[in-house]
Amino acid sequence: MKKNKTSTYVLVPVVLGIWGYIGWKIYDGMQGDDAAALPALAAPAAGGTRMVPDTFQLVANYRDPFLGKVEAPRTNISNSNAPKAPQLPKPPAPTASWPSITYGGMIKKKEGPPFALLTVAGSDYLVKAGEKAGDVQVISISRDSIFVAWGKEKRGVRK
């Protein structure tokens, strides 16, 4: 037990000294020294500067990390007599697609036909069967879906 007390009495001042030194270095580093400021750069003379392009060449002759081989550097050789790649035909122009249609629901009075709440391409419409909502013709209206025609195509839209 006496040995542990002696080592404690010796180690506590050593630890306090180390932490004190670290604290002093942090404090001294945060104070800043005005004398060690960087010198100001001299402004270039007007009209006397000339821009020189930065030219360099990358040498990528290092070992491939996956294959373990060293590739020879490629050289770019342009040959105006080389055959050109054949031109692929352009794909046909995309056909017009359906506008976005959202069926909001049905409004039904006791007498008369039901009305449908539609959103076609961002515009809201209140239409009956047989009427148009934008470019879309309403064919029939039911409680959970609606049938519409756009051009010669017909489609059902669910709620």
Protein backbone atom coordinates (compact mmCIF):
# COMPACT_ATOMS: atom_id res chain seq x y z
CA MET A 1 0.00 0.00 0.00
CA LYS A 2 2.86 2.34 0.74
CA LYS A 3 4.29 1.81 -2.73
CA ASN A 4 1.00 2.96 -4.37
CA LYS A 5 0.96 6.19 -2.31
CA THR A 6 4.51 7.02 -3.31
CA SER A 7 3.82 6.49 -7.03
CA THR A 8 0.67 8.64 -6.74
CA TYR A 9 2.65 11.47 -5.14
CA VAL A 10 5.19 11.28 -7.97
CA LEU A 11 2.78 10.84 -10.91
CA VAL A 12 0.28 13.61 -10.01
CA PRO A 13 2.84 16.45 -10.43
CA VAL A 14 4.14 14.86 -13.66
CA VAL A 15 0.61 14.68 -15.14
CA LEU A 16 -0.16 18.25 -14.00
CA GLY A 17 3.09 19.45 -15.57
CA ILE A 18 2.28 17.78 -18.92
CA TRP A 19 -1.24 19.19 -19.02
CA GLY A 20 0.05 22.61 -17.99
CA TYR A 21 2.55 22.54 -20.85
CA ILE A 22 -0.19 21.54 -23.35
CA GLY A 23 -2.48 24.29 -22.01
CA TRP A 24 0.30 26.88 -22.32
CA LYS A 25 1.01 25.88 -25.95
CA ILE A 26 -2.69 26.23 -26.83
CA TYR A 27 -2.93 29.61 -25.09
CA ASP A 28 0.26 30.87 -26.72
CA GLY A 29 -0.87 29.69 -30.15
CA MET A 30 -4.19 31.53 -29.86
CA GLN A 31 -2.60 34.85 -28.93
CA GLY A 32 -1.18 35.49 -32.38
CA ASP A 33 1.99 37.37 -33.14
CA ASP A 34 1.73 40.57 -35.17
CA ALA A 35 5.45 40.60 -35.94
CA ALA A 36 5.20 37.29 -37.80
CA ALA A 37 2.55 38.57 -40.24
CA LEU A 38 3.11 37.73 -43.90
CA PRO A 39 4.61 40.50 -46.01
CA ALA A 40 2.29 42.18 -48.50
CA LEU A 41 2.76 41.20 -52.15
CA ALA A 42 3.86 43.95 -54.47
CA ALA A 43 1.32 44.86 -57.15
CA PRO A 44 2.50 44.11 -60.69
CA ALA A 45 3.36 47.05 -62.90
CA ALA A 46 0.57 48.14 -65.23
CA GLY A 47 0.90 46.64 -68.70
CA GLY A 48 4.07 44.77 -67.77
CA THR A 49 2.50 41.40 -66.97
CA ARG A 50 2.41 38.65 -69.49
CA MET A 51 0.29 35.54 -69.09
CA VAL A 52 2.19 32.35 -69.79
CA PRO A 53 0.00 29.32 -70.48
CA ASP A 54 0.42 26.45 -68.06
CA THR A 55 1.54 23.47 -70.13
CA PHE A 56 2.15 20.02 -68.82
CA GLN A 57 1.69 16.42 -69.80
CA LEU A 58 0.40 13.68 -67.57
CA VAL A 59 2.41 10.49 -67.53
CA ALA A 60 0.06 7.69 -66.54
CA ASN A 61 2.42 4.73 -66.73
CA TYR A 62 1.69 3.36 -63.29
CA ARG A 63 0.75 -0.24 -62.49
CA ASP A 64 -2.88 -1.27 -62.84
CA PRO A 65 -3.97 -2.06 -59.26
CA PHE A 66 -6.32 -4.85 -60.39
CA LEU A 67 -4.41 -6.57 -63.17
CA GLY A 68 -0.90 -5.81 -61.98
CA LYS A 69 0.28 -4.85 -65.47
CA VAL A 70 1.89 -1.63 -66.61
CA GLU A 71 0.25 -0.21 -69.72
CA ALA A 72 2.29 1.51 -72.37
CA PRO A 73 1.32 5.17 -72.74
CA ARG A 74 -1.16 5.77 -75.51
CA THR A 75 -0.32 8.18 -78.25
CA ASN A 76 -2.90 10.22 -80.05
CA ILE A 77 -2.38 9.79 -83.76
CA SER A 78 -4.78 11.57 -86.03
CA ASN A 79 -5.12 10.22 -89.51
CA SER A 80 -7.31 12.22 -91.86
CA ASN A 81 -7.52 9.22 -94.22
CA ALA A 82 -8.96 6.92 -91.57
CA PRO A 83 -12.51 5.73 -92.27
CA LYS A 84 -15.16 7.53 -90.30
CA ALA A 85 -17.71 5.73 -88.19
CA PRO A 86 -20.97 5.15 -90.04
CA GLN A 87 -23.77 7.55 -89.22
CA LEU A 88 -26.63 5.84 -87.45
CA PRO A 89 -30.13 6.82 -88.53
CA LYS A 90 -31.89 9.14 -86.15
CA PRO A 91 -34.63 7.54 -84.08
CA PRO A 92 -38.14 8.53 -85.04
CA ALA A 93 -39.58 11.55 -83.29
CA PRO A 94 -41.44 10.58 -80.12
CA THR A 95 -45.19 10.58 -80.49
CA ALA A 96 -47.22 12.88 -78.34
CA SER A 97 -48.02 11.36 -74.96
CA TRP A 98 -51.14 11.60 -72.90
CA PRO A 99 -51.48 14.67 -70.69
CA SER A 100 -51.47 14.01 -66.96
CA ILE A 101 -55.05 13.31 -65.85
CA THR A 102 -56.22 13.14 -62.24
CA TYR A 103 -59.78 12.16 -61.32
CA GLY A 104 -60.85 14.05 -58.20
CA GLY A 105 -64.31 12.57 -57.79
CA MET A 106 -67.97 12.80 -58.82
CA ILE A 107 -70.63 15.34 -57.94
CA LYS A 108 -74.18 14.05 -58.33
CA LYS A 109 -77.40 15.95 -57.86
CA LYS A 110 -80.76 14.28 -57.26
CA GLU A 111 -81.79 15.21 -60.74
CA GLY A 112 -79.52 15.55 -63.74
CA PRO A 113 -76.28 13.97 -64.89
CA PRO A 114 -73.21 13.61 -62.62
CA PHE A 115 -70.26 15.98 -62.88
CA ALA A 116 -66.62 14.95 -62.64
CA LEU A 117 -63.76 16.89 -61.06
CA LEU A 118 -60.75 16.52 -63.35
CA THR A 119 -57.25 17.92 -63.42
CA VAL A 120 -55.80 17.78 -66.93
CA ALA A 121 -52.22 18.99 -67.41
CA GLY A 122 -52.40 21.14 -64.28
CA SER A 123 -55.80 22.76 -65.07
CA ASP A 124 -58.96 21.95 -63.09
CA TYR A 125 -62.26 21.16 -64.84
CA LEU A 126 -65.85 20.38 -63.80
CA VAL A 127 -67.35 18.41 -66.70
CA LYS A 128 -70.25 16.13 -67.62
CA ALA A 129 -70.09 13.02 -69.79
CA GLY A 130 -69.60 14.05 -73.44
CA GLU A 131 -67.84 17.35 -72.63
CA LYS A 132 -64.19 18.22 -73.16
CA ALA A 133 -61.64 19.02 -70.45
CA GLY A 134 -58.79 20.63 -72.34
CA ASP A 135 -57.85 18.18 -75.12
CA VAL A 136 -59.50 15.23 -73.35
CA GLN A 137 -63.07 14.09 -74.14
CA VAL A 138 -65.00 12.62 -71.17
CA ILE A 139 -66.84 9.45 -72.21
CA SER A 140 -68.41 8.19 -68.98
CA ILE A 141 -68.28 8.96 -65.27
CA SER A 142 -68.60 6.47 -62.41
CA ARG A 143 -68.02 6.71 -58.68
CA ASP A 144 -64.40 5.43 -58.65
CA SER A 145 -63.23 5.92 -62.24
CA ILE A 146 -63.75 7.86 -65.43
CA PHE A 147 -63.29 6.95 -69.09
CA VAL A 148 -61.70 9.53 -71.35
CA ALA A 149 -60.60 9.76 -74.97
CA TRP A 150 -57.61 11.64 -76.33
CA GLY A 151 -57.38 11.62 -80.10
CA LYS A 152 -58.29 8.07 -81.17
CA GLU A 153 -57.18 6.44 -77.91
CA LYS A 154 -59.41 5.68 -74.93
CA ARG A 155 -58.30 5.19 -71.37
CA GLY A 156 -59.76 4.70 -67.90
CA VAL A 157 -58.55 6.82 -64.98
CA ARG A 158 -59.09 5.62 -61.40
CA LYS A 159 -59.55 7.85 -58.40
